[in-house]
Amino acid sequence: MKPIDDYFLDQKEPYQSIMLYVRRVILNTLPEVEERYSYKIPFYNIGKKPMIYLNILKGKDYVDVAFVQGILLEKQFPVLKDDNKRKQVRSIQLKTLEDLDQENFMELLHAASELLKKSKKAWFLD
């Protein structure tokens, strides 16, 4: 089994179900996305540029669906939050599967993908 599959299977519920569901939506919505295991968490890249990563932050009770260029999308998609005072990353925090508006999430995935394709690099703020 690949390390990324082990990562998902090692998660406790409800995080495992949430992450597997989000993973499926990402992979089905954006066939060009590449799933990678980097920094011990799942990343979803367009080309070689990271677009999204999934994480469970220590001391938090939700799955953090983090958009690398989220700061550029937060006005259009208010579901994106600035958690932990990150410079450019914005995320959706999911405590349950019901917290995810799949239609809005799919729109957000397409918008993030188009934005990243036009960008020279994913991480633009230091």
C-alpha atoms as a PDB file:
ATOM      1  CA  MET A   1       0.000   0.000   0.000  1.00  0.00           C
ATOM      2  CA  LYS A   2       1.137   3.552  -0.705  1.00  0.00           C
ATOM      3  CA  PRO A   3       2.036   5.862   2.218  1.00  0.00           C
ATOM      4  CA  ILE A   4      -0.885   8.148   1.326  1.00  0.00           C
ATOM      5  CA  ASP A   5      -3.347   5.257   1.634  1.00  0.00           C
ATOM      6  CA  ASP A   6      -1.834   4.322   5.004  1.00  0.00           C
ATOM      7  CA  TYR A   7      -2.243   7.943   6.104  1.00  0.00           C
ATOM      8  CA  PHE A   8      -5.986   7.876   5.421  1.00  0.00           C
ATOM      9  CA  LEU A   9      -6.493   4.446   6.975  1.00  0.00           C
ATOM     10  CA  ASP A  10      -4.592   5.474  10.126  1.00  0.00           C
ATOM     11  CA  GLN A  11      -7.025   8.326  10.866  1.00  0.00           C
ATOM     12  CA  LYS A  12      -9.659   7.989  13.578  1.00  0.00           C
ATOM     13  CA  GLU A  13     -13.329   8.467  12.833  1.00  0.00           C
ATOM     14  CA  PRO A  14     -14.955  10.782  11.888  1.00  0.00           C
ATOM     15  CA  TYR A  15     -11.768  12.196  10.317  1.00  0.00           C
ATOM     16  CA  GLN A  16     -11.105   9.147   8.168  1.00  0.00           C
ATOM     17  CA  SER A  17     -14.555   9.229   6.535  1.00  0.00           C
ATOM     18  CA  ILE A  18     -14.384  12.986   6.005  1.00  0.00           C
ATOM     19  CA  MET A  19     -10.917  12.806   4.435  1.00  0.00           C
ATOM     20  CA  LEU A  20     -11.775   9.866   2.180  1.00  0.00           C
ATOM     21  CA  TYR A  21     -14.921  11.642   1.006  1.00  0.00           C
ATOM     22  CA  VAL A  22     -13.072  14.922   0.323  1.00  0.00           C
ATOM     23  CA  ARG A  23     -10.355  12.961  -1.481  1.00  0.00           C
ATOM     24  CA  ARG A  24     -12.939  11.321  -3.736  1.00  0.00           C
ATOM     25  CA  VAL A  25     -14.607  14.652  -4.545  1.00  0.00           C
ATOM     26  CA  ILE A  26     -11.245  16.260  -5.398  1.00  0.00           C
ATOM     27  CA  LEU A  27     -10.121  13.373  -7.629  1.00  0.00           C
ATOM     28  CA  ASN A  28     -13.516  13.106  -9.385  1.00  0.00           C
ATOM     29  CA  THR A  29     -13.890  16.862  -9.880  1.00  0.00           C
ATOM     30  CA  LEU A  30     -10.373  17.534 -11.150  1.00  0.00           C
ATOM     31  CA  PRO A  31      -9.091  14.564 -13.170  1.00  0.00           C
ATOM     32  CA  GLU A  32      -5.842  16.446 -13.886  1.00  0.00           C
ATOM     33  CA  VAL A  33      -4.973  16.748 -10.185  1.00  0.00           C
ATOM     34  CA  GLU A  34      -2.026  14.750  -8.883  1.00  0.00           C
ATOM     35  CA  GLU A  35      -2.282  13.253  -5.397  1.00  0.00           C
ATOM     36  CA  ARG A  36       1.021  13.286  -3.510  1.00  0.00           C
ATOM     37  CA  TYR A  37       2.186  12.472  -0.026  1.00  0.00           C
ATOM     38  CA  SER A  38       4.411  15.342   1.156  1.00  0.00           C
ATOM     39  CA  TYR A  39       5.346  16.549   4.644  1.00  0.00           C
ATOM     40  CA  LYS A  40       3.485  13.481   5.966  1.00  0.00           C
ATOM     41  CA  ILE A  41       0.091  14.716   4.688  1.00  0.00           C
ATOM     42  CA  PRO A  42      -1.886  14.421   1.414  1.00  0.00           C
ATOM     43  CA  PHE A  43      -1.393  17.166  -1.165  1.00  0.00           C
ATOM     44  CA  TYR A  44      -3.267  17.719  -4.410  1.00  0.00           C
ATOM     45  CA  ASN A  45      -1.207  19.384  -7.110  1.00  0.00           C
ATOM     46  CA  ILE A  46      -1.885  20.891 -10.497  1.00  0.00           C
ATOM     47  CA  GLY A  47       1.260  20.309 -12.494  1.00  0.00           C
ATOM     48  CA  LYS A  48       4.004  20.492  -9.903  1.00  0.00           C
ATOM     49  CA  LYS A  49       2.253  23.230  -7.889  1.00  0.00           C
ATOM     50  CA  PRO A  50       0.385  22.382  -4.660  1.00  0.00           C
ATOM     51  CA  MET A  51      -3.273  23.462  -4.648  1.00  0.00           C
ATOM     52  CA  ILE A  52      -4.840  21.773  -1.598  1.00  0.00           C
ATOM     53  CA  TYR A  53      -3.714  19.741   1.369  1.00  0.00           C
ATOM     54  CA  LEU A  54      -5.640  17.821   4.010  1.00  0.00           C
ATOM     55  CA  ASN A  55      -4.548  17.904   7.617  1.00  0.00           C
ATOM     56  CA  ILE A  56      -5.713  17.443  11.184  1.00  0.00           C
ATOM     57  CA  LEU A  57      -4.083  20.152  13.264  1.00  0.00           C
ATOM     58  CA  LYS A  58      -2.973  19.235  16.765  1.00  0.00           C
ATOM     59  CA  GLY A  59      -5.528  20.260  19.363  1.00  0.00           C
ATOM     60  CA  LYS A  60      -8.282  20.803  16.766  1.00  0.00           C
ATOM     61  CA  ASP A  61     -11.386  18.712  16.244  1.00  0.00           C
ATOM     62  CA  TYR A  62     -11.805  19.046  12.480  1.00  0.00           C
ATOM     63  CA  VAL A  63     -10.282  18.146   9.139  1.00  0.00           C
ATOM     64  CA  ASP A  64      -8.523  21.166   7.659  1.00  0.00           C
ATOM     65  CA  VAL A  65      -9.065  21.312   3.885  1.00  0.00           C
ATOM     66  CA  ALA A  66      -6.431  23.925   3.092  1.00  0.00           C
ATOM     67  CA  PHE A  67      -6.202  25.859  -0.164  1.00  0.00           C
ATOM     68  CA  VAL A  68      -2.663  27.093  -0.794  1.00  0.00           C
ATOM     69  CA  GLN A  69      -3.842  30.224  -2.662  1.00  0.00           C
ATOM     70  CA  GLY A  70      -6.946  30.583  -0.507  1.00  0.00           C
ATOM     71  CA  ILE A  71      -6.369  34.269   0.237  1.00  0.00           C
ATOM     72  CA  LEU A  72      -7.179  34.981  -3.423  1.00  0.00           C
ATOM     73  CA  LEU A  73     -10.435  33.003  -3.210  1.00  0.00           C
ATOM     74  CA  GLU A  74     -11.851  33.981   0.197  1.00  0.00           C
ATOM     75  CA  LYS A  75     -14.014  36.878  -1.066  1.00  0.00           C
ATOM     76  CA  GLN A  76     -15.672  34.708  -3.713  1.00  0.00           C
ATOM     77  CA  PHE A  77     -15.934  31.727  -1.338  1.00  0.00           C
ATOM     78  CA  PRO A  78     -16.644  32.960   2.230  1.00  0.00           C
ATOM     79  CA  VAL A  79     -16.550  29.349   3.471  1.00  0.00           C
ATOM     80  CA  LEU A  80     -12.739  29.725   3.432  1.00  0.00           C
ATOM     81  CA  LYS A  81     -11.410  30.770   6.824  1.00  0.00           C
ATOM     82  CA  ASP A  82      -8.114  32.228   7.982  1.00  0.00           C
ATOM     83  CA  ASP A  83      -7.196  29.695  10.637  1.00  0.00           C
ATOM     84  CA  ASN A  84      -3.948  29.963  12.613  1.00  0.00           C
ATOM     85  CA  LYS A  85      -3.150  33.365  11.069  1.00  0.00           C
ATOM     86  CA  ARG A  86      -1.662  31.870   7.909  1.00  0.00           C
ATOM     87  CA  LYS A  87      -0.371  34.354   5.337  1.00  0.00           C
ATOM     88  CA  GLN A  88      -1.981  32.968   2.196  1.00  0.00           C
ATOM     89  CA  VAL A  89      -3.585  29.610   3.040  1.00  0.00           C
ATOM     90  CA  ARG A  90      -7.319  29.594   3.742  1.00  0.00           C
ATOM     91  CA  SER A  91      -9.269  26.506   4.652  1.00  0.00           C
ATOM     92  CA  ILE A  92     -12.569  24.806   5.200  1.00  0.00           C
ATOM     93  CA  GLN A  93     -12.877  23.152   8.611  1.00  0.00           C
ATOM     94  CA  LEU A  94     -14.985  19.992   8.562  1.00  0.00           C
ATOM     95  CA  LYS A  95     -16.175  18.414  11.811  1.00  0.00           C
ATOM     96  CA  THR A  96     -18.715  16.222  10.003  1.00  0.00           C
ATOM     97  CA  LEU A  97     -19.445  15.195   6.431  1.00  0.00           C
ATOM     98  CA  GLU A  98     -22.589  17.305   6.587  1.00  0.00           C
ATOM     99  CA  ASP A  99     -20.422  20.424   7.009  1.00  0.00           C
ATOM    100  CA  LEU A 100     -19.326  20.128   3.371  1.00  0.00           C
ATOM    101  CA  ASP A 101     -21.496  21.800   0.733  1.00  0.00           C
ATOM    102  CA  GLN A 102     -20.382  19.580  -2.140  1.00  0.00           C
ATOM    103  CA  GLU A 103     -21.673  21.808  -4.939  1.00  0.00           C
ATOM    104  CA  ASN A 104     -19.945  24.896  -3.517  1.00  0.00           C
ATOM    105  CA  PHE A 105     -16.795  22.825  -2.856  1.00  0.00           C
ATOM    106  CA  MET A 106     -16.711  21.669  -6.491  1.00  0.00           C
ATOM    107  CA  GLU A 107     -17.022  25.289  -7.677  1.00  0.00           C
ATOM    108  CA  LEU A 108     -14.191  26.213  -5.316  1.00  0.00           C
ATOM    109  CA  LEU A 109     -12.025  23.370  -6.682  1.00  0.00           C
ATOM    110  CA  HIS A 110     -12.505  24.586 -10.249  1.00  0.00           C
ATOM    111  CA  ALA A 111     -11.760  28.197  -9.273  1.00  0.00           C
ATOM    112  CA  ALA A 112      -8.631  27.179  -7.344  1.00  0.00           C
ATOM    113  CA  SER A 113      -7.449  25.039 -10.252  1.00  0.00           C
ATOM    114  CA  GLU A 114      -7.867  27.860 -12.793  1.00  0.00           C
ATOM    115  CA  LEU A 115      -6.125  30.314 -10.482  1.00  0.00           C
ATOM    116  CA  LEU A 116      -3.183  27.993  -9.924  1.00  0.00           C
ATOM    117  CA  LYS A 117      -2.790  27.254 -13.643  1.00  0.00           C
ATOM    118  CA  LYS A 118      -2.362  31.005 -14.266  1.00  0.00           C
ATOM    119  CA  SER A 119       0.121  31.454 -11.400  1.00  0.00           C
ATOM    120  CA  LYS A 120       3.888  31.301 -11.822  1.00  0.00           C
ATOM    121  CA  LYS A 121       4.192  29.674  -8.397  1.00  0.00           C
ATOM    122  CA  ALA A 122       1.838  28.387  -5.708  1.00  0.00           C
ATOM    123  CA  TRP A 123       3.488  30.000  -2.682  1.00  0.00           C
ATOM    124  CA  PHE A 124       3.658  33.723  -3.444  1.00  0.00           C
ATOM    125  CA  LEU A 125       3.772  35.255   0.033  1.00  0.00           C
ATOM    126  CA  ASP A 126       6.812  34.882   2.255  1.00  0.00           C
END
